[in-house]
């Protein structure tokens, strides 16, 4: 399944393929944060910190 995330400060959109958008794995979170160059993401109302 694909999700689209908007970068808060840059206002750019990024699309990612994930298994379940309601429960991201730590690998998915790390990959998204790395590509977007951010420390945390908010997906479907759930906060994920990049570690």
PDB file of N, CA and C in Angstrom:
ATOM      1  N   UNK A   1       0.844  -1.171   0.000  1.00  0.00           N
ATOM      2  CA  UNK A   1       0.000   0.000   0.000  1.00  0.00           C
ATOM      3  C   UNK A   1       0.895   1.242   0.000  1.00  0.00           C
ATOM      4  N   UNK A   2       0.431   2.302  -0.591  1.00  0.00           N
ATOM      5  CA  UNK A   2       1.216   3.531  -0.644  1.00  0.00           C
ATOM      6  C   UNK A   2       0.651   4.586   0.294  1.00  0.00           C
ATOM      7  N   UNK A   3       1.573   5.379   0.863  1.00  0.00           N
ATOM      8  CA  UNK A   3       1.189   6.528   1.683  1.00  0.00           C
ATOM      9  C   UNK A   3       1.896   7.755   1.134  1.00  0.00           C
ATOM     10  N   UNK A   4       1.286   8.906   1.308  1.00  0.00           N
ATOM     11  CA  UNK A   4       1.892  10.168   0.901  1.00  0.00           C
ATOM     12  C   UNK A   4       2.005  11.037   2.135  1.00  0.00           C
ATOM     13  N   UNK A   5       3.213  11.584   2.350  1.00  0.00           N
ATOM     14  CA  UNK A   5       3.488  12.417   3.518  1.00  0.00           C
ATOM     15  C   UNK A   5       3.954  13.779   3.034  1.00  0.00           C
ATOM     16  N   UNK A   6       3.416  14.831   3.644  1.00  0.00           N
ATOM     17  CA  UNK A   6       3.849  16.185   3.309  1.00  0.00           C
ATOM     18  C   UNK A   6       4.902  16.628   4.319  1.00  0.00           C
ATOM     19  N   UNK A   7       6.026  17.139   3.804  1.00  0.00           N
ATOM     20  CA  UNK A   7       7.077  17.678   4.660  1.00  0.00           C
ATOM     21  C   UNK A   7       6.560  18.980   5.261  1.00  0.00           C
ATOM     22  N   UNK A   8       6.635  19.090   6.579  1.00  0.00           N
ATOM     23  CA  UNK A   8       6.017  20.220   7.279  1.00  0.00           C
ATOM     24  C   UNK A   8       6.604  21.572   6.877  1.00  0.00           C
ATOM     25  N   UNK A   9       7.912  21.678   6.789  1.00  0.00           N
ATOM     26  CA  UNK A   9       8.507  22.990   6.495  1.00  0.00           C
ATOM     27  C   UNK A   9       8.694  23.236   5.003  1.00  0.00           C
ATOM     28  N   UNK A  10       9.028  22.199   4.243  1.00  0.00           N
ATOM     29  CA  UNK A  10       9.280  22.369   2.809  1.00  0.00           C
ATOM     30  C   UNK A  10       8.003  22.319   1.976  1.00  0.00           C
ATOM     31  N   UNK A  11       6.937  21.756   2.536  1.00  0.00           N
ATOM     32  CA  UNK A  11       5.637  21.617   1.864  1.00  0.00           C
ATOM     33  C   UNK A  11       5.712  20.728   0.620  1.00  0.00           C
ATOM     34  N   UNK A  12       6.700  19.837   0.579  1.00  0.00           N
ATOM     35  CA  UNK A  12       6.809  18.888  -0.520  1.00  0.00           C
ATOM     36  C   UNK A  12       6.118  17.594  -0.121  1.00  0.00           C
ATOM     37  N   UNK A  13       5.696  16.818  -1.123  1.00  0.00           N
ATOM     38  CA  UNK A  13       5.014  15.553  -0.879  1.00  0.00           C
ATOM     39  C   UNK A  13       5.934  14.390  -1.242  1.00  0.00           C
ATOM     40  N   UNK A  14       5.907  13.343  -0.422  1.00  0.00           N
ATOM     41  CA  UNK A  14       6.726  12.159  -0.634  1.00  0.00           C
ATOM     42  C   UNK A  14       5.808  10.934  -0.547  1.00  0.00           C
ATOM     43  N   UNK A  15       5.957  10.021  -1.490  1.00  0.00           N
ATOM     44  CA  UNK A  15       5.139   8.809  -1.520  1.00  0.00           C
ATOM     45  C   UNK A  15       6.020   7.601  -1.215  1.00  0.00           C
ATOM     46  N   UNK A  16       5.500   6.712  -0.371  1.00  0.00           N
ATOM     47  CA  UNK A  16       6.239   5.528   0.056  1.00  0.00           C
ATOM     48  C   UNK A  16       5.338   4.303  -0.003  1.00  0.00           C
ATOM     49  N   UNK A  17       5.935   3.154  -0.286  1.00  0.00           N
ATOM     50  CA  UNK A  17       5.224   1.881  -0.231  1.00  0.00           C
ATOM     51  C   UNK A  17       5.462   1.262   1.141  1.00  0.00           C
ATOM     52  N   UNK A  18       4.373   0.907   1.824  1.00  0.00           N
ATOM     53  CA  UNK A  18       4.457   0.286   3.144  1.00  0.00           C
ATOM     54  C   UNK A  18       3.491  -0.892   3.195  1.00  0.00           C
ATOM     55  N   UNK A  19       3.755  -1.812   4.128  1.00  0.00           N
ATOM     56  CA  UNK A  19       2.894  -2.990   4.262  1.00  0.00           C
ATOM     57  C   UNK A  19       1.539  -2.612   4.852  1.00  0.00           C
ATOM     58  N   UNK A  20       1.546  -1.843   5.958  1.00  0.00           N
ATOM     59  CA  UNK A  20       0.315  -1.448   6.639  1.00  0.00           C
ATOM     60  C   UNK A  20       0.461  -0.002   7.103  1.00  0.00           C
ATOM     61  N   UNK A  21      -0.250   0.941   6.498  1.00  0.00           N
ATOM     62  CA  UNK A  21      -0.089   2.342   6.863  1.00  0.00           C
ATOM     63  C   UNK A  21      -0.527   2.669   8.289  1.00  0.00           C
ATOM     64  N   UNK A  22      -1.253   1.769   8.930  1.00  0.00           N
ATOM     65  CA  UNK A  22      -1.689   2.014  10.300  1.00  0.00           C
ATOM     66  C   UNK A  22      -0.710   1.465  11.333  1.00  0.00           C
ATOM     67  N   UNK A  23       0.301   0.741  10.872  1.00  0.00           N
ATOM     68  CA  UNK A  23       1.302   0.177  11.783  1.00  0.00           C
ATOM     69  C   UNK A  23       2.615   0.018  11.026  1.00  0.00           C
ATOM     70  N   UNK A  24       3.405   1.092  10.986  1.00  0.00           N
ATOM     71  CA  UNK A  24       4.678   1.062  10.270  1.00  0.00           C
ATOM     72  C   UNK A  24       5.720   0.276  11.061  1.00  0.00           C
ATOM     73  N   UNK A  25       6.584  -0.421  10.333  1.00  0.00           N
ATOM     74  CA  UNK A  25       7.685  -1.123  10.982  1.00  0.00           C
ATOM     75  C   UNK A  25       8.820  -0.142  11.241  1.00  0.00           C
ATOM     76  N   UNK A  26       9.745  -0.518  12.101  1.00  0.00           N
ATOM     77  CA  UNK A  26      10.877   0.360  12.399  1.00  0.00           C
ATOM     78  C   UNK A  26      11.736   0.586  11.159  1.00  0.00           C
ATOM     79  N   UNK A  27      11.822  -0.398  10.294  1.00  0.00           N
ATOM     80  CA  UNK A  27      12.593  -0.250   9.050  1.00  0.00           C
ATOM     81  C   UNK A  27      11.906   0.741   8.117  1.00  0.00           C
ATOM     82  N   UNK A  28      10.584   0.661   8.013  1.00  0.00           N
ATOM     83  CA  UNK A  28       9.837   1.611   7.178  1.00  0.00           C
ATOM     84  C   UNK A  28       9.990   3.023   7.710  1.00  0.00           C
ATOM     85  N   UNK A  29       9.883   3.191   9.024  1.00  0.00           N
ATOM     86  CA  UNK A  29      10.028   4.522   9.643  1.00  0.00           C
ATOM     87  C   UNK A  29      11.417   5.068   9.369  1.00  0.00           C
ATOM     88  N   UNK A  30      12.440   4.248   9.568  1.00  0.00           N
ATOM     89  CA  UNK A  30      13.816   4.684   9.340  1.00  0.00           C
ATOM     90  C   UNK A  30      14.015   5.105   7.878  1.00  0.00           C
ATOM     91  N   UNK A  31      13.501   4.316   6.936  1.00  0.00           N
ATOM     92  CA  UNK A  31      13.665   4.619   5.512  1.00  0.00           C
ATOM     93  C   UNK A  31      12.962   5.924   5.136  1.00  0.00           C
ATOM     94  N   UNK A  32      11.768   6.127   5.656  1.00  0.00           N
ATOM     95  CA  UNK A  32      11.014   7.352   5.370  1.00  0.00           C
ATOM     96  C   UNK A  32      11.744   8.563   5.942  1.00  0.00           C
ATOM     97  N   UNK A  33      12.159   8.475   7.186  1.00  0.00           N
ATOM     98  CA  UNK A  33      12.855   9.594   7.829  1.00  0.00           C
ATOM     99  C   UNK A  33      14.158   9.920   7.115  1.00  0.00           C
ATOM    100  N   UNK A  34      14.879   8.903   6.701  1.00  0.00           N
ATOM    101  CA  UNK A  34      16.140   9.111   5.996  1.00  0.00           C
ATOM    102  C   UNK A  34      15.911   9.822   4.673  1.00  0.00           C
ATOM    103  N   UNK A  35      14.931   9.365   3.920  1.00  0.00           N
ATOM    104  CA  UNK A  35      14.665   9.984   2.619  1.00  0.00           C
ATOM    105  C   UNK A  35      14.157  11.420   2.761  1.00  0.00           C
ATOM    106  N   UNK A  36      13.333  11.670   3.775  1.00  0.00           N
ATOM    107  CA  UNK A  36      12.777  13.007   3.959  1.00  0.00           C
ATOM    108  C   UNK A  36      13.699  13.924   4.766  1.00  0.00           C
ATOM    109  N   UNK A  37      14.736  13.343   5.374  1.00  0.00           N
ATOM    110  CA  UNK A  37      15.676  14.087   6.207  1.00  0.00           C
ATOM    111  C   UNK A  37      14.964  14.759   7.388  1.00  0.00           C
ATOM    112  N   UNK A  38      14.202  13.938   8.135  1.00  0.00           N
ATOM    113  CA  UNK A  38      13.460  14.416   9.303  1.00  0.00           C
ATOM    114  C   UNK A  38      13.743  13.506  10.496  1.00  0.00           C
ATOM    115  N   UNK A  39      13.352  13.955  11.684  1.00  0.00           N
ATOM    116  CA  UNK A  39      13.567  13.196  12.909  1.00  0.00           C
ATOM    117  C   UNK A  39      12.328  12.415  13.343  1.00  0.00           C
ATOM    118  N   UNK A  40      11.162  12.788  12.829  1.00  0.00           N
ATOM    119  CA  UNK A  40       9.912  12.130  13.205  1.00  0.00           C
ATOM    120  C   UNK A  40       8.884  12.325  12.097  1.00  0.00           C
ATOM    121  N   UNK A  41       7.886  11.423  12.076  1.00  0.00           N
ATOM    122  CA  UNK A  41       6.810  11.527  11.092  1.00  0.00           C
ATOM    123  C   UNK A  41       5.474  11.286  11.777  1.00  0.00           C
ATOM    124  N   UNK A  42       4.431  11.797  11.164  1.00  0.00           N
ATOM    125  CA  UNK A  42       3.069  11.588  11.638  1.00  0.00           C
ATOM    126  C   UNK A  42       2.293  10.935  10.498  1.00  0.00           C
ATOM    127  N   UNK A  43       1.814   9.708  10.740  1.00  0.00           N
ATOM    128  CA  UNK A  43       1.096   8.951   9.709  1.00  0.00           C
ATOM    129  C   UNK A  43      -0.213   8.470  10.297  1.00  0.00           C
ATOM    130  N   UNK A  44      -1.311   8.862   9.674  1.00  0.00           N
ATOM    131  CA  UNK A  44      -2.658   8.478  10.130  1.00  0.00           C
ATOM    132  C   UNK A  44      -2.860   8.777  11.613  1.00  0.00           C
ATOM    133  N   UNK A  45      -2.353   9.922  12.048  1.00  0.00           N
ATOM    134  CA  UNK A  45      -2.536  10.340  13.434  1.00  0.00           C
ATOM    135  C   UNK A  45      -1.601   9.678  14.425  1.00  0.00           C
ATOM    136  N   UNK A  46      -0.675   8.845  13.957  1.00  0.00           N
ATOM    137  CA  UNK A  46       0.273   8.174  14.847  1.00  0.00           C
ATOM    138  C   UNK A  46       1.662   8.773  14.661  1.00  0.00           C
ATOM    139  N   UNK A  47       2.307   9.094  15.781  1.00  0.00           N
ATOM    140  CA  UNK A  47       3.622   9.722  15.799  1.00  0.00           C
ATOM    141  C   UNK A  47       4.715   8.660  15.845  1.00  0.00           C
ATOM    142  N   UNK A  48       5.687   8.762  14.939  1.00  0.00           N
ATOM    143  CA  UNK A  48       6.824   7.844  14.911  1.00  0.00           C
ATOM    144  C   UNK A  48       8.115   8.650  14.981  1.00  0.00           C
ATOM    145  N   UNK A  49       8.987   8.294  15.922  1.00  0.00           N
ATOM    146  CA  UNK A  49      10.310   8.915  16.013  1.00  0.00           C
ATOM    147  C   UNK A  49      11.304   8.041  15.292  1.00  0.00           C
ATOM    148  N   UNK A  50      12.224   8.681  14.609  1.00  0.00           N
ATOM    149  CA  UNK A  50      13.254   7.941  13.879  1.00  0.00           C
ATOM    150  C   UNK A  50      14.414   7.667  14.828  1.00  0.00           C
ATOM    151  N   UNK A  51      14.789   6.410  14.909  1.00  0.00           N
ATOM    152  CA  UNK A  51      15.870   6.023  15.814  1.00  0.00           C
ATOM    153  C   UNK A  51      16.996   5.359  15.060  1.00  0.00           C
TER     154      UNK A  51
END
